[in-house]
């Protein structure tokens, strides 16, 4: 990591604070994200089928025709089946 001043490194994360880490999402019907994401970013509009944080594998929801932009749902998995949106990023603390 670069050695630059980081005034935010000592601040406690919160649901409303900006993300400090971002990962590209590869939708999967069986594999969770590396950690629970605080939000997703959809780069190409479409349906997003996901499993929210804190629920079982059988509690997937589909956000139909989600536009380009942020999806403010804490998410543990983005499913391949039913997801047509692309260029999805997961945002983490």
C-alpha atoms as a PDB file:
ATOM      1  CA  UNK A   1       0.000   0.000   0.000  1.00  0.00           C
ATOM      2  CA  UNK A   2       1.205   3.523  -0.635  1.00  0.00           C
ATOM      3  CA  UNK A   3       2.567   5.408   2.324  1.00  0.00           C
ATOM      4  CA  UNK A   4       0.379   8.513   2.169  1.00  0.00           C
ATOM      5  CA  UNK A   5      -1.466  10.346   4.936  1.00  0.00           C
ATOM      6  CA  UNK A   6      -4.849   8.754   5.714  1.00  0.00           C
ATOM      7  CA  UNK A   7      -6.962  10.946   7.979  1.00  0.00           C
ATOM      8  CA  UNK A   8      -9.779   8.377   7.882  1.00  0.00           C
ATOM      9  CA  UNK A   9      -7.856   5.296   9.030  1.00  0.00           C
ATOM     10  CA  UNK A  10      -8.751   5.825  12.696  1.00  0.00           C
ATOM     11  CA  UNK A  11     -12.444   6.543  12.139  1.00  0.00           C
ATOM     12  CA  UNK A  12     -14.953   3.843  12.987  1.00  0.00           C
ATOM     13  CA  UNK A  13     -16.761   2.436   9.959  1.00  0.00           C
ATOM     14  CA  UNK A  14     -20.493   3.006   9.694  1.00  0.00           C
ATOM     15  CA  UNK A  15     -23.230   2.133   7.236  1.00  0.00           C
ATOM     16  CA  UNK A  16     -23.218   5.694   5.915  1.00  0.00           C
ATOM     17  CA  UNK A  17     -19.472   6.164   5.622  1.00  0.00           C
ATOM     18  CA  UNK A  18     -17.771   5.891   2.227  1.00  0.00           C
ATOM     19  CA  UNK A  19     -16.311   2.538   1.249  1.00  0.00           C
ATOM     20  CA  UNK A  20     -12.625   1.933   1.871  1.00  0.00           C
ATOM     21  CA  UNK A  21     -12.291  -1.142  -0.334  1.00  0.00           C
ATOM     22  CA  UNK A  22     -13.863  -2.204  -3.647  1.00  0.00           C
ATOM     23  CA  UNK A  23     -13.869  -5.582  -5.418  1.00  0.00           C
ATOM     24  CA  UNK A  24     -15.253  -6.696  -8.755  1.00  0.00           C
ATOM     25  CA  UNK A  25     -18.124  -9.158  -8.321  1.00  0.00           C
ATOM     26  CA  UNK A  26     -18.279 -12.458 -10.156  1.00  0.00           C
ATOM     27  CA  UNK A  27     -21.879 -13.609  -9.679  1.00  0.00           C
ATOM     28  CA  UNK A  28     -22.128 -17.153  -8.297  1.00  0.00           C
ATOM     29  CA  UNK A  29     -25.013 -19.341  -7.203  1.00  0.00           C
ATOM     30  CA  UNK A  30     -22.825 -21.052  -4.568  1.00  0.00           C
ATOM     31  CA  UNK A  31     -20.041 -18.716  -3.411  1.00  0.00           C
ATOM     32  CA  UNK A  32     -20.429 -15.731  -1.079  1.00  0.00           C
ATOM     33  CA  UNK A  33     -18.488 -12.499  -1.532  1.00  0.00           C
ATOM     34  CA  UNK A  34     -15.175 -12.248   0.356  1.00  0.00           C
ATOM     35  CA  UNK A  35     -17.069 -10.356   3.098  1.00  0.00           C
ATOM     36  CA  UNK A  36     -20.496  -8.778   3.481  1.00  0.00           C
ATOM     37  CA  UNK A  37     -20.604  -5.764   1.170  1.00  0.00           C
ATOM     38  CA  UNK A  38     -22.054  -2.529   2.557  1.00  0.00           C
ATOM     39  CA  UNK A  39     -23.404  -1.738  -0.928  1.00  0.00           C
ATOM     40  CA  UNK A  40     -23.024  -2.668  -4.579  1.00  0.00           C
ATOM     41  CA  UNK A  41     -22.353  -0.528  -7.610  1.00  0.00           C
ATOM     42  CA  UNK A  42     -24.023  -1.588 -10.878  1.00  0.00           C
ATOM     43  CA  UNK A  43     -22.075  -0.464 -13.959  1.00  0.00           C
ATOM     44  CA  UNK A  44     -24.422  -1.863 -16.628  1.00  0.00           C
ATOM     45  CA  UNK A  45     -28.156  -1.826 -15.857  1.00  0.00           C
ATOM     46  CA  UNK A  46     -30.179  -5.018 -15.500  1.00  0.00           C
ATOM     47  CA  UNK A  47     -31.630  -7.405 -12.942  1.00  0.00           C
ATOM     48  CA  UNK A  48     -29.592  -8.078  -9.786  1.00  0.00           C
ATOM     49  CA  UNK A  49     -30.444 -11.264  -7.883  1.00  0.00           C
ATOM     50  CA  UNK A  50     -28.771 -11.312  -4.489  1.00  0.00           C
ATOM     51  CA  UNK A  51     -28.828 -12.766  -1.016  1.00  0.00           C
ATOM     52  CA  UNK A  52     -28.891  -9.987   1.596  1.00  0.00           C
ATOM     53  CA  UNK A  53     -26.720 -10.193   4.704  1.00  0.00           C
ATOM     54  CA  UNK A  54     -28.274 -12.005   7.636  1.00  0.00           C
ATOM     55  CA  UNK A  55     -30.602 -14.376   5.768  1.00  0.00           C
ATOM     56  CA  UNK A  56     -30.443 -17.975   4.561  1.00  0.00           C
ATOM     57  CA  UNK A  57     -29.530 -19.234   1.103  1.00  0.00           C
ATOM     58  CA  UNK A  58     -33.220 -19.618   0.218  1.00  0.00           C
ATOM     59  CA  UNK A  59     -33.993 -15.921   0.735  1.00  0.00           C
ATOM     60  CA  UNK A  60     -32.740 -14.415  -2.528  1.00  0.00           C
ATOM     61  CA  UNK A  61     -34.357 -11.297  -3.909  1.00  0.00           C
ATOM     62  CA  UNK A  62     -34.312  -9.812  -7.406  1.00  0.00           C
ATOM     63  CA  UNK A  63     -34.032  -6.081  -7.961  1.00  0.00           C
ATOM     64  CA  UNK A  64     -35.548  -5.842 -11.417  1.00  0.00           C
ATOM     65  CA  UNK A  65     -34.121  -3.531 -14.050  1.00  0.00           C
ATOM     66  CA  UNK A  66     -31.748  -1.793 -11.636  1.00  0.00           C
ATOM     67  CA  UNK A  67     -30.237   1.304 -13.263  1.00  0.00           C
ATOM     68  CA  UNK A  68     -26.560   2.169 -13.323  1.00  0.00           C
ATOM     69  CA  UNK A  69     -25.616   3.330  -9.856  1.00  0.00           C
ATOM     70  CA  UNK A  70     -25.466   2.310  -6.222  1.00  0.00           C
ATOM     71  CA  UNK A  71     -27.549  -0.435  -4.687  1.00  0.00           C
ATOM     72  CA  UNK A  72     -27.781   0.208  -0.937  1.00  0.00           C
ATOM     73  CA  UNK A  73     -28.302  -3.352   0.290  1.00  0.00           C
ATOM     74  CA  UNK A  74     -25.834  -5.142   2.546  1.00  0.00           C
ATOM     75  CA  UNK A  75     -25.122  -8.223   0.444  1.00  0.00           C
ATOM     76  CA  UNK A  76     -23.384 -11.530   1.014  1.00  0.00           C
ATOM     77  CA  UNK A  77     -23.875 -13.116  -2.453  1.00  0.00           C
ATOM     78  CA  UNK A  78     -24.764 -11.977  -5.965  1.00  0.00           C
ATOM     79  CA  UNK A  79     -26.339 -14.881  -7.808  1.00  0.00           C
ATOM     80  CA  UNK A  80     -25.401 -15.800 -11.381  1.00  0.00           C
ATOM     81  CA  UNK A  81     -28.887 -17.174 -12.078  1.00  0.00           C
ATOM     82  CA  UNK A  82     -31.243 -14.244 -12.538  1.00  0.00           C
ATOM     83  CA  UNK A  83     -28.577 -11.523 -12.661  1.00  0.00           C
ATOM     84  CA  UNK A  84     -28.400  -9.713 -15.998  1.00  0.00           C
ATOM     85  CA  UNK A  85     -26.686  -6.543 -14.747  1.00  0.00           C
ATOM     86  CA  UNK A  86     -22.961  -6.351 -15.386  1.00  0.00           C
ATOM     87  CA  UNK A  87     -19.847  -4.572 -14.154  1.00  0.00           C
ATOM     88  CA  UNK A  88     -20.944  -5.011 -10.529  1.00  0.00           C
ATOM     89  CA  UNK A  89     -18.624  -3.854  -7.760  1.00  0.00           C
ATOM     90  CA  UNK A  90     -18.887  -4.693  -4.055  1.00  0.00           C
ATOM     91  CA  UNK A  91     -18.072  -1.893  -1.601  1.00  0.00           C
ATOM     92  CA  UNK A  92     -16.601  -2.673   1.829  1.00  0.00           C
ATOM     93  CA  UNK A  93     -15.297  -0.879   4.928  1.00  0.00           C
END
